[in-house]
Amino acid sequence: MWVVTMFDLPVDTKAARRQYALFRKFLLQDGFAKMQFSVYIRHCASEENADVHIQRVQKHIPPDGEVRIITITDKQFERMRVFWGKRRTAPEQAPKQLELF
């Protein structure tokens, strides 16, 4: 399961830029990776794990701006069509699960 966080935050004042930077830094520290500008993704092993990360994001949402969070399954994510110019490329791969004994 993937958690996709998209945001459009104001950067018109010094305080707003700081809020933007802190939110972006939090996403990276919580394991999100930049997919595009203002679009960050994180793979989660289960729906419960995704809920934990969504709640963490909700706690760090800045007071101004718009933040959208969606979850999609691995299968839906695999069906994403990604293009670099007119050339189609594969979407990001889900991390391999660890096997213990």
Foldseek 3Di string as FASTA:
>chain_A
DKKKKAWDFDDPDPVRVVLVVVLVVVCVVVAWDDPDVRITMHDDPDPVRVVVVVVVSVVSHDPDTDMDMDDDDQVVQQPDWDDDDNDTDGGDDDDDDDDDD
